[in-house]
Amino acid sequence: MNSVALLIFPAIGAALKLTQTQFGLWAALAIHDTSSVVGAAAKYGSVALAVATTVKLARALWIVPLSVGTALAYRSKARIQWPWFIALFCLAAVCNTYLPGGAREYSLAVKAAKIGLTATLFLIGSGLSVATIKEVGHRPLLQGILLWLLVSVGSVWLIRAGWIAL
């Protein structure tokens, strides 16, 4: 669904005449994979990209307190594995805020990130096969598609209605 969203969300956003901010918010809420959010938003525009990236990564930051809170609530001794990009996002935000003198280096980091994003999108797309879909089965696949449609349509409707906004 991430690959499908990457391809069709920009066209749907244009057809619905979503603003850059609305599209960025929608992409961040309705697309699961961070690299697909960034890819779709980048196609829509620079403001959409900034909004989508910020909202998606802010959502991802909630993984930390939710993981710790859940582990504490269930008195779990399991080791919590956090996605590495959360720490990098926090580091980038701190550097950009408190070390503005590194603007030249930051532009190099942005170029490296774009190359990494391209590689990630390629690897995600190449990991899907008919055999994988058959292994998962039709019921979970159908459930995933229906939930994806519900979240996608519901979130864009709420954004257009003004219930979700920045």
N, C-alpha and C. Protein backbone atom coordinates (compact mmCIF):
# COMPACT_ATOMS: atom_id res chain seq x y z
N MET A 1 0.82 -1.20 0.00
CA MET A 1 0.00 0.00 0.00
C MET A 1 0.86 1.26 0.00
N ASN A 2 2.04 1.16 0.61
CA ASN A 2 2.94 2.32 0.61
C ASN A 2 3.35 2.69 -0.80
N SER A 3 3.67 1.69 -1.61
CA SER A 3 4.08 1.95 -2.99
C SER A 3 2.93 2.52 -3.80
N VAL A 4 1.73 2.01 -3.57
CA VAL A 4 0.55 2.52 -4.26
C VAL A 4 0.32 3.98 -3.87
N ALA A 5 0.40 4.26 -2.57
CA ALA A 5 0.20 5.64 -2.09
C ALA A 5 1.25 6.58 -2.67
N LEU A 6 2.46 6.12 -2.75
CA LEU A 6 3.55 6.92 -3.31
C LEU A 6 3.20 7.36 -4.73
N LEU A 7 2.55 6.50 -5.48
CA LEU A 7 2.21 6.80 -6.86
C LEU A 7 0.91 7.58 -7.02
N ILE A 8 -0.12 7.25 -6.23
CA ILE A 8 -1.44 7.84 -6.49
C ILE A 8 -1.80 9.04 -5.61
N PHE A 9 -1.20 9.16 -4.43
CA PHE A 9 -1.58 10.27 -3.55
C PHE A 9 -1.35 11.64 -4.17
N PRO A 10 -0.22 11.89 -4.83
CA PRO A 10 -0.06 13.22 -5.43
C PRO A 10 -1.16 13.55 -6.45
N ALA A 11 -1.56 12.58 -7.25
CA ALA A 11 -2.63 12.80 -8.24
C ALA A 11 -3.97 13.05 -7.55
N ILE A 12 -4.24 12.29 -6.49
CA ILE A 12 -5.50 12.49 -5.75
C ILE A 12 -5.49 13.86 -5.08
N GLY A 13 -4.36 14.21 -4.48
CA GLY A 13 -4.25 15.53 -3.85
C GLY A 13 -4.49 16.66 -4.83
N ALA A 14 -3.95 16.53 -6.03
CA ALA A 14 -4.16 17.55 -7.06
C ALA A 14 -5.62 17.58 -7.49
N ALA A 15 -6.24 16.41 -7.66
CA ALA A 15 -7.64 16.35 -8.07
C ALA A 15 -8.56 16.95 -7.01
N LEU A 16 -8.21 16.77 -5.74
CA LEU A 16 -9.01 17.34 -4.66
C LEU A 16 -8.63 18.79 -4.34
N LYS A 17 -7.63 19.30 -5.08
CA LYS A 17 -7.14 20.67 -4.89
C LYS A 17 -6.70 20.92 -3.45
N LEU A 18 -5.97 19.95 -2.89
CA LEU A 18 -5.43 20.11 -1.54
C LEU A 18 -4.29 21.12 -1.57
N THR A 19 -4.21 21.93 -0.54
CA THR A 19 -3.07 22.83 -0.43
C THR A 19 -1.84 21.99 -0.10
N GLN A 20 -0.67 22.60 -0.19
CA GLN A 20 0.57 21.88 0.15
C GLN A 20 0.51 21.40 1.60
N THR A 21 0.02 22.26 2.50
CA THR A 21 -0.06 21.90 3.91
C THR A 21 -1.04 20.75 4.13
N GLN A 22 -2.20 20.82 3.49
CA GLN A 22 -3.18 19.75 3.62
C GLN A 22 -2.62 18.43 3.09
N PHE A 23 -1.95 18.50 1.94
CA PHE A 23 -1.41 17.27 1.38
C PHE A 23 -0.33 16.68 2.28
N GLY A 24 0.56 17.52 2.79
CA GLY A 24 1.61 17.03 3.67
C GLY A 24 1.04 16.37 4.90
N LEU A 25 0.02 16.97 5.48
CA LEU A 25 -0.64 16.39 6.65
C LEU A 25 -1.30 15.07 6.30
N TRP A 26 -1.99 15.02 5.17
CA TRP A 26 -2.65 13.80 4.75
C TRP A 26 -1.65 12.68 4.51
N ALA A 27 -0.58 12.97 3.79
CA ALA A 27 0.43 11.95 3.52
C ALA A 27 1.01 11.41 4.82
N ALA A 28 1.30 12.29 5.77
CA ALA A 28 1.89 11.87 7.05
C ALA A 28 0.94 11.01 7.87
N LEU A 29 -0.35 11.27 7.75
CA LEU A 29 -1.33 10.51 8.52
C LEU A 29 -1.76 9.21 7.84
N ALA A 30 -1.81 9.20 6.53
CA ALA A 30 -2.40 8.06 5.82
C ALA A 30 -1.40 7.07 5.24
N ILE A 31 -0.15 7.45 5.12
CA ILE A 31 0.86 6.53 4.57
C ILE A 31 1.71 6.04 5.73
N HIS A 32 1.89 4.74 5.79
CA HIS A 32 2.59 4.14 6.94
C HIS A 32 4.10 4.34 6.89
N ASP A 33 4.72 4.01 5.79
CA ASP A 33 6.17 4.01 5.70
C ASP A 33 6.72 5.43 5.52
N THR A 34 7.70 5.78 6.34
CA THR A 34 8.26 7.13 6.31
C THR A 34 8.85 7.48 4.95
N SER A 35 9.56 6.56 4.33
CA SER A 35 10.16 6.88 3.03
C SER A 35 9.09 7.11 1.97
N SER A 36 7.97 6.41 2.04
CA SER A 36 6.88 6.62 1.09
C SER A 36 6.19 7.96 1.35
N VAL A 37 6.07 8.34 2.62
CA VAL A 37 5.51 9.66 2.96
C VAL A 37 6.37 10.75 2.32
N VAL A 38 7.68 10.63 2.51
CA VAL A 38 8.60 11.63 1.98
C VAL A 38 8.55 11.65 0.46
N GLY A 39 8.51 10.48 -0.16
CA GLY A 39 8.47 10.40 -1.62
C GLY A 39 7.22 11.03 -2.20
N ALA A 40 6.05 10.72 -1.63
CA ALA A 40 4.79 11.27 -2.12
C ALA A 40 4.76 12.78 -1.92
N ALA A 41 5.18 13.22 -0.75
CA ALA A 41 5.15 14.67 -0.45
C ALA A 41 6.13 15.44 -1.32
N ALA A 42 7.28 14.85 -1.59
CA ALA A 42 8.28 15.51 -2.44
C ALA A 42 7.73 15.73 -3.84
N LYS A 43 6.91 14.80 -4.32
CA LYS A 43 6.28 14.97 -5.63
C LYS A 43 5.27 16.11 -5.62
N TYR A 44 4.66 16.36 -4.47
CA TYR A 44 3.60 17.38 -4.39
C TYR A 44 4.15 18.79 -4.23
N GLY A 45 5.29 18.92 -3.54
CA GLY A 45 5.87 20.25 -3.40
C GLY A 45 6.71 20.37 -2.13
N SER A 46 7.47 21.46 -2.07
CA SER A 46 8.42 21.63 -0.96
C SER A 46 7.72 21.87 0.37
N VAL A 47 6.62 22.61 0.39
CA VAL A 47 5.89 22.83 1.65
C VAL A 47 5.25 21.51 2.10
N ALA A 48 4.68 20.77 1.16
CA ALA A 48 4.10 19.46 1.49
C ALA A 48 5.17 18.54 2.08
N LEU A 49 6.36 18.59 1.50
CA LEU A 49 7.46 17.76 1.99
C LEU A 49 7.84 18.14 3.42
N ALA A 50 7.95 19.43 3.69
CA ALA A 50 8.31 19.89 5.05
C ALA A 50 7.24 19.49 6.06
N VAL A 51 5.98 19.69 5.72
CA VAL A 51 4.88 19.35 6.63
C VAL A 51 4.83 17.84 6.84
N ALA A 52 4.86 17.08 5.76
CA ALA A 52 4.75 15.62 5.86
C ALA A 52 5.89 15.02 6.68
N THR A 53 7.09 15.47 6.42
CA THR A 53 8.25 14.94 7.14
C THR A 53 8.15 15.26 8.62
N THR A 54 7.81 16.48 8.94
CA THR A 54 7.72 16.89 10.34
C THR A 54 6.62 16.13 11.08
N VAL A 55 5.43 16.05 10.48
CA VAL A 55 4.31 15.37 11.12
C VAL A 55 4.59 13.87 11.25
N LYS A 56 5.11 13.25 10.20
CA LYS A 56 5.38 11.81 10.25
C LYS A 56 6.43 11.48 11.30
N LEU A 57 7.50 12.26 11.35
CA LEU A 57 8.54 11.98 12.33
C LEU A 57 8.10 12.33 13.73
N ALA A 58 7.24 13.33 13.88
CA ALA A 58 6.68 13.62 15.20
C ALA A 58 5.80 12.45 15.66
N ARG A 59 5.03 11.88 14.73
CA ARG A 59 4.25 10.68 15.05
C ARG A 59 5.16 9.54 15.48
N ALA A 60 6.26 9.39 14.76
CA ALA A 60 7.19 8.31 15.07
C ALA A 60 7.83 8.49 16.45
N LEU A 61 8.00 9.74 16.87
CA LEU A 61 8.58 9.99 18.18
C LEU A 61 7.70 9.43 19.31
N TRP A 62 6.43 9.29 19.05
CA TRP A 62 5.53 8.73 20.06
C TRP A 62 5.82 7.25 20.32
N ILE A 63 6.59 6.62 19.44
CA ILE A 63 6.96 5.22 19.67
C ILE A 63 7.72 5.08 20.98
N VAL A 64 8.57 6.04 21.29
CA VAL A 64 9.40 5.96 22.49
C VAL A 64 8.55 5.95 23.76
N PRO A 65 7.75 6.99 24.04
CA PRO A 65 6.99 6.94 25.30
C PRO A 65 5.96 5.81 25.35
N LEU A 66 5.36 5.47 24.21
CA LEU A 66 4.39 4.38 24.19
C LEU A 66 5.06 3.04 24.48
N SER A 67 6.25 2.82 23.91
CA SER A 67 6.97 1.57 24.17
C SER A 67 7.37 1.46 25.63
N VAL A 68 7.92 2.53 26.18
CA VAL A 68 8.34 2.53 27.58
C VAL A 68 7.13 2.40 28.50
N GLY A 69 6.07 3.16 28.21
CA GLY A 69 4.86 3.11 29.03
C GLY A 69 4.22 1.73 29.02
N THR A 70 4.14 1.12 27.85
CA THR A 70 3.56 -0.22 27.74
C THR A 70 4.41 -1.24 28.49
N ALA A 71 5.72 -1.15 28.34
CA ALA A 71 6.62 -2.06 29.05
C ALA A 71 6.47 -1.91 30.55
N LEU A 72 6.35 -0.68 31.03
CA LEU A 72 6.17 -0.45 32.46
C LEU A 72 4.80 -0.95 32.95
N ALA A 73 3.77 -0.70 32.16
CA ALA A 73 2.41 -1.12 32.54
C ALA A 73 2.30 -2.63 32.65
N TYR A 74 2.96 -3.34 31.78
CA TYR A 74 2.91 -4.80 31.79
C TYR A 74 4.09 -5.42 32.54
N ARG A 75 4.91 -4.58 33.15
CA ARG A 75 6.08 -5.02 33.90
C ARG A 75 6.95 -5.97 33.08
N SER A 76 7.13 -5.58 31.83
CA SER A 76 7.88 -6.41 30.89
C SER A 76 9.38 -6.19 31.07
N LYS A 77 10.12 -7.26 30.97
CA LYS A 77 11.58 -7.19 31.04
C LYS A 77 12.19 -7.24 29.64
N ALA A 78 11.32 -7.26 28.63
CA ALA A 78 11.79 -7.35 27.24
C ALA A 78 12.57 -6.11 26.86
N ARG A 79 13.52 -6.29 26.00
CA ARG A 79 14.32 -5.18 25.50
C ARG A 79 13.54 -4.46 24.39
N ILE A 80 13.42 -3.17 24.52
CA ILE A 80 12.68 -2.37 23.54
C ILE A 80 13.62 -2.00 22.41
N GLN A 81 13.19 -2.25 21.17
CA GLN A 81 13.98 -1.87 20.00
C GLN A 81 13.33 -0.64 19.37
N TRP A 82 14.09 0.45 19.32
CA TRP A 82 13.59 1.69 18.74
C TRP A 82 14.17 1.88 17.36
N PRO A 83 13.34 2.40 16.44
CA PRO A 83 13.86 2.67 15.10
C PRO A 83 15.01 3.69 15.17
N TRP A 84 16.08 3.44 14.45
CA TRP A 84 17.28 4.29 14.49
C TRP A 84 17.01 5.69 13.95
N PHE A 85 16.03 5.84 13.05
CA PHE A 85 15.82 7.14 12.45
C PHE A 85 15.26 8.15 13.44
N ILE A 86 14.66 7.68 14.54
CA ILE A 86 14.14 8.61 15.54
C ILE A 86 15.29 9.39 16.18
N ALA A 87 16.35 8.70 16.55
CA ALA A 87 17.51 9.37 17.14
C ALA A 87 18.14 10.34 16.15
N LEU A 88 18.23 9.94 14.87
CA LEU A 88 18.80 10.82 13.85
C LEU A 88 17.93 12.05 13.63
N PHE A 89 16.61 11.88 13.65
CA PHE A 89 15.69 13.01 13.51
C PHE A 89 15.88 14.00 14.66
N CYS A 90 15.98 13.48 15.89
CA CYS A 90 16.19 14.35 17.06
C CYS A 90 17.53 15.09 16.94
N LEU A 91 18.56 14.38 16.52
CA LEU A 91 19.88 14.99 16.35
C LEU A 91 19.84 16.11 15.30
N ALA A 92 19.17 15.83 14.17
CA ALA A 92 19.07 16.84 13.11
C ALA A 92 18.30 18.07 13.59
N ALA A 93 17.23 17.86 14.34
CA ALA A 93 16.44 18.98 14.85
C ALA A 93 17.27 19.83 15.82
N VAL A 94 18.02 19.18 16.69
CA VAL A 94 18.86 19.90 17.65
C VAL A 94 19.95 20.69 16.92
N CYS A 95 20.61 20.04 15.97
CA CYS A 95 21.68 20.71 15.20
C CYS A 95 21.15 21.91 14.43
N ASN A 96 20.03 21.72 13.75
CA ASN A 96 19.45 22.80 12.95
C ASN A 96 19.03 23.98 13.83
N THR A 97 18.55 23.68 15.02
CA THR A 97 18.07 24.72 15.93
C THR A 97 19.21 25.45 16.64
N TYR A 98 20.16 24.69 17.15
CA TYR A 98 21.18 25.29 18.01
C TYR A 98 22.55 25.48 17.35
N LEU A 99 22.73 24.94 16.16
CA LEU A 99 24.00 25.09 15.45
C LEU A 99 23.75 25.59 14.02
N PRO A 100 23.20 26.80 13.86
CA PRO A 100 22.87 27.28 12.51
C PRO A 100 24.09 27.52 11.63
N GLY A 101 25.28 27.57 12.22
CA GLY A 101 26.50 27.80 11.44
C GLY A 101 26.87 26.65 10.53
N GLY A 102 26.23 25.50 10.68
CA GLY A 102 26.58 24.34 9.86
C GLY A 102 25.72 24.19 8.63
N ALA A 103 25.16 25.28 8.12
CA ALA A 103 24.23 25.22 6.99
C ALA A 103 24.84 24.51 5.78
N ARG A 104 26.13 24.76 5.50
CA ARG A 104 26.77 24.12 4.34
C ARG A 104 26.82 22.61 4.53
N GLU A 105 27.18 22.17 5.72
CA GLU A 105 27.23 20.74 6.00
C GLU A 105 25.84 20.11 5.97
N TYR A 106 24.85 20.88 6.42
CA TYR A 106 23.49 20.36 6.42
C TYR A 106 23.00 20.11 5.00
N SER A 107 23.40 20.97 4.06
CA SER A 107 22.98 20.75 2.67
C SER A 107 23.60 19.47 2.12
N LEU A 108 24.82 19.15 2.54
CA LEU A 108 25.43 17.87 2.15
C LEU A 108 24.66 16.70 2.76
N ALA A 109 24.24 16.87 3.99
CA ALA A 109 23.46 15.81 4.65
C ALA A 109 22.12 15.60 3.94
N VAL A 110 21.51 16.68 3.48
CA VAL A 110 20.23 16.58 2.75
C VAL A 110 20.44 15.80 1.45
N LYS A 111 21.53 16.09 0.73
CA LYS A 111 21.83 15.35 -0.50
C LYS A 111 22.03 13.86 -0.22
N ALA A 112 22.77 13.56 0.85
CA ALA A 112 23.00 12.16 1.23
C ALA A 112 21.68 11.49 1.61
N ALA A 113 20.81 12.23 2.30
CA ALA A 113 19.51 11.68 2.69
C ALA A 113 18.64 11.37 1.47
N LYS A 114 18.71 12.23 0.45
CA LYS A 114 17.92 11.97 -0.77
C LYS A 114 18.41 10.71 -1.48
N ILE A 115 19.71 10.52 -1.50
CA ILE A 115 20.27 9.29 -2.10
C ILE A 115 19.82 8.08 -1.29
N GLY A 116 19.87 8.20 0.03
CA GLY A 116 19.43 7.11 0.90
C GLY A 116 17.96 6.81 0.72
N LEU A 117 17.14 7.85 0.57
CA LEU A 117 15.71 7.67 0.36
C LEU A 117 15.45 6.93 -0.94
N THR A 118 16.14 7.30 -1.99
CA THR A 118 15.98 6.62 -3.28
C THR A 118 16.32 5.14 -3.15
N ALA A 119 17.42 4.85 -2.49
CA ALA A 119 17.83 3.45 -2.30
C ALA A 119 16.79 2.69 -1.46
N THR A 120 16.27 3.33 -0.42
CA THR A 120 15.27 2.70 0.44
C THR A 120 14.00 2.38 -0.33
N LEU A 121 13.53 3.35 -1.12
CA LEU A 121 12.32 3.12 -1.90
C LEU A 121 12.51 1.98 -2.89
N PHE A 122 13.69 1.89 -3.50
CA PHE A 122 13.97 0.80 -4.43
C PHE A 122 13.95 -0.54 -3.69
N LEU A 123 14.59 -0.61 -2.54
CA LEU A 123 14.65 -1.87 -1.80
C LEU A 123 13.29 -2.30 -1.28
N ILE A 124 12.47 -1.33 -0.87
CA ILE A 124 11.12 -1.66 -0.42
C ILE A 124 10.31 -2.24 -1.59
N GLY A 125 10.38 -1.58 -2.72
CA GLY A 125 9.64 -2.06 -3.89
C GLY A 125 10.11 -3.40 -4.39
N SER A 126 11.41 -3.65 -4.31
CA SER A 126 11.93 -4.92 -4.81
C SER A 126 11.68 -6.08 -3.86
N GLY A 127 11.24 -5.81 -2.64
CA GLY A 127 11.00 -6.88 -1.65
C GLY A 127 9.64 -7.53 -1.77
N LEU A 128 8.76 -7.01 -2.60
CA LEU A 128 7.42 -7.56 -2.74
C LEU A 128 7.37 -8.50 -3.93
N SER A 129 6.75 -9.66 -3.71
CA SER A 129 6.64 -10.63 -4.79
C SER A 129 5.28 -11.32 -4.71
N VAL A 130 4.91 -11.99 -5.77
CA VAL A 130 3.66 -12.75 -5.79
C VAL A 130 3.71 -13.84 -4.73
N ALA A 131 4.87 -14.46 -4.56
CA ALA A 131 5.03 -15.52 -3.54
C ALA A 131 4.77 -14.97 -2.14
N THR A 132 5.25 -13.77 -1.87
CA THR A 132 5.03 -13.15 -0.56
C THR A 132 3.54 -12.89 -0.34
N ILE A 133 2.87 -12.40 -1.36
CA ILE A 133 1.44 -12.13 -1.26
C ILE A 133 0.67 -13.43 -1.04
N LYS A 134 1.05 -14.50 -1.75
CA LYS A 134 0.40 -15.79 -1.56
C LYS A 134 0.64 -16.34 -0.16
N GLU A 135 1.84 -16.12 0.36
CA GLU A 135 2.18 -16.60 1.70
C GLU A 135 1.35 -15.91 2.76
N VAL A 136 1.11 -14.63 2.60
CA VAL A 136 0.32 -13.87 3.56
C VAL A 136 -1.14 -14.33 3.51
N GLY A 137 -1.63 -14.59 2.33
CA GLY A 137 -3.02 -15.02 2.18
C GLY A 137 -3.94 -13.87 1.82
N HIS A 138 -5.14 -14.21 1.35
CA HIS A 138 -6.04 -13.17 0.85
C HIS A 138 -6.77 -12.42 1.96
N ARG A 139 -7.11 -13.08 3.07
CA ARG A 139 -7.85 -12.39 4.13
C ARG A 139 -7.04 -11.28 4.80
N PRO A 140 -5.81 -11.55 5.25
CA PRO A 140 -5.03 -10.45 5.83
C PRO A 140 -4.73 -9.35 4.82
N LEU A 141 -4.51 -9.74 3.56
CA LEU A 141 -4.26 -8.75 2.52
C LEU A 141 -5.49 -7.87 2.32
N LEU A 142 -6.66 -8.47 2.27
CA LEU A 142 -7.91 -7.71 2.12
C LEU A 142 -8.14 -6.81 3.32
N GLN A 143 -7.88 -7.31 4.52
CA GLN A 143 -8.03 -6.50 5.71
C GLN A 143 -7.09 -5.28 5.67
N GLY A 144 -5.85 -5.52 5.27
CA GLY A 144 -4.89 -4.42 5.15
C GLY A 144 -5.35 -3.37 4.15
N ILE A 145 -5.85 -3.82 3.01
CA ILE A 145 -6.32 -2.89 1.97
C ILE A 145 -7.52 -2.09 2.48
N LEU A 146 -8.47 -2.76 3.13
CA LEU A 146 -9.65 -2.06 3.64
C LEU A 146 -9.30 -1.04 4.73
N LEU A 147 -8.39 -1.42 5.63
CA LEU A 147 -7.97 -0.48 6.67
C LEU A 147 -7.22 0.70 6.07
N TRP A 148 -6.38 0.43 5.08
CA TRP A 148 -5.65 1.50 4.40
C TRP A 148 -6.62 2.47 3.73
N LEU A 149 -7.63 1.94 3.06
CA LEU A 149 -8.64 2.79 2.42
C LEU A 149 -9.41 3.60 3.46
N LEU A 150 -9.78 2.98 4.57
CA LEU A 150 -10.50 3.67 5.63
C LEU A 150 -9.68 4.83 6.20
N VAL A 151 -8.43 4.57 6.50
CA VAL A 151 -7.55 5.62 7.03
C VAL A 151 -7.32 6.71 5.99
N SER A 152 -7.07 6.32 4.75
CA SER A 152 -6.79 7.30 3.69
C SER A 152 -7.99 8.20 3.42
N VAL A 153 -9.14 7.60 3.22
CA VAL A 153 -10.34 8.38 2.91
C VAL A 153 -10.80 9.16 4.13
N GLY A 154 -10.78 8.52 5.28
CA GLY A 154 -11.21 9.20 6.51
C GLY A 154 -10.34 10.39 6.86
N SER A 155 -9.04 10.23 6.74
CA SER A 155 -8.15 11.33 7.12
C SER A 155 -8.25 12.50 6.13
N VAL A 156 -8.35 12.21 4.83
CA VAL A 156 -8.48 13.33 3.87
C VAL A 156 -9.82 14.03 4.05
N TRP A 157 -10.85 13.28 4.38
CA TRP A 157 -12.16 13.89 4.62
C TRP A 157 -12.10 14.81 5.85
N LEU A 158 -11.46 14.35 6.93
CA LEU A 158 -11.34 15.16 8.15
C LEU A 158 -10.46 16.39 7.92
N ILE A 159 -9.44 16.25 7.11
CA ILE A 159 -8.58 17.40 6.78
C ILE A 159 -9.35 18.43 5.97
N ARG A 160 -10.07 17.96 4.95
CA ARG A 160 -10.86 18.90 4.12
C ARG A 160 -11.98 19.54 4.91
N ALA A 161 -12.54 18.83 5.89
CA ALA A 161 -13.61 19.37 6.71
C ALA A 161 -13.08 20.33 7.77
N GLY A 162 -11.77 20.38 7.92
CA GLY A 162 -11.17 21.29 8.89
C GLY A 162 -11.05 20.72 10.30
N TRP A 163 -11.38 19.46 10.49
CA TRP A 163 -11.29 18.83 11.81
C TRP A 163 -9.85 18.51 12.18
N ILE A 164 -9.01 18.27 11.16
CA ILE A 164 -7.59 18.06 11.38
C ILE A 164 -6.88 19.14 10.57
N ALA A 165 -6.07 19.91 11.26
CA ALA A 165 -5.37 21.02 10.58
C ALA A 165 -4.11 21.37 11.37
N LEU A 166 -3.24 22.10 10.71
CA LEU A 166 -2.05 22.61 11.39
C LEU A 166 -2.27 24.06 11.76
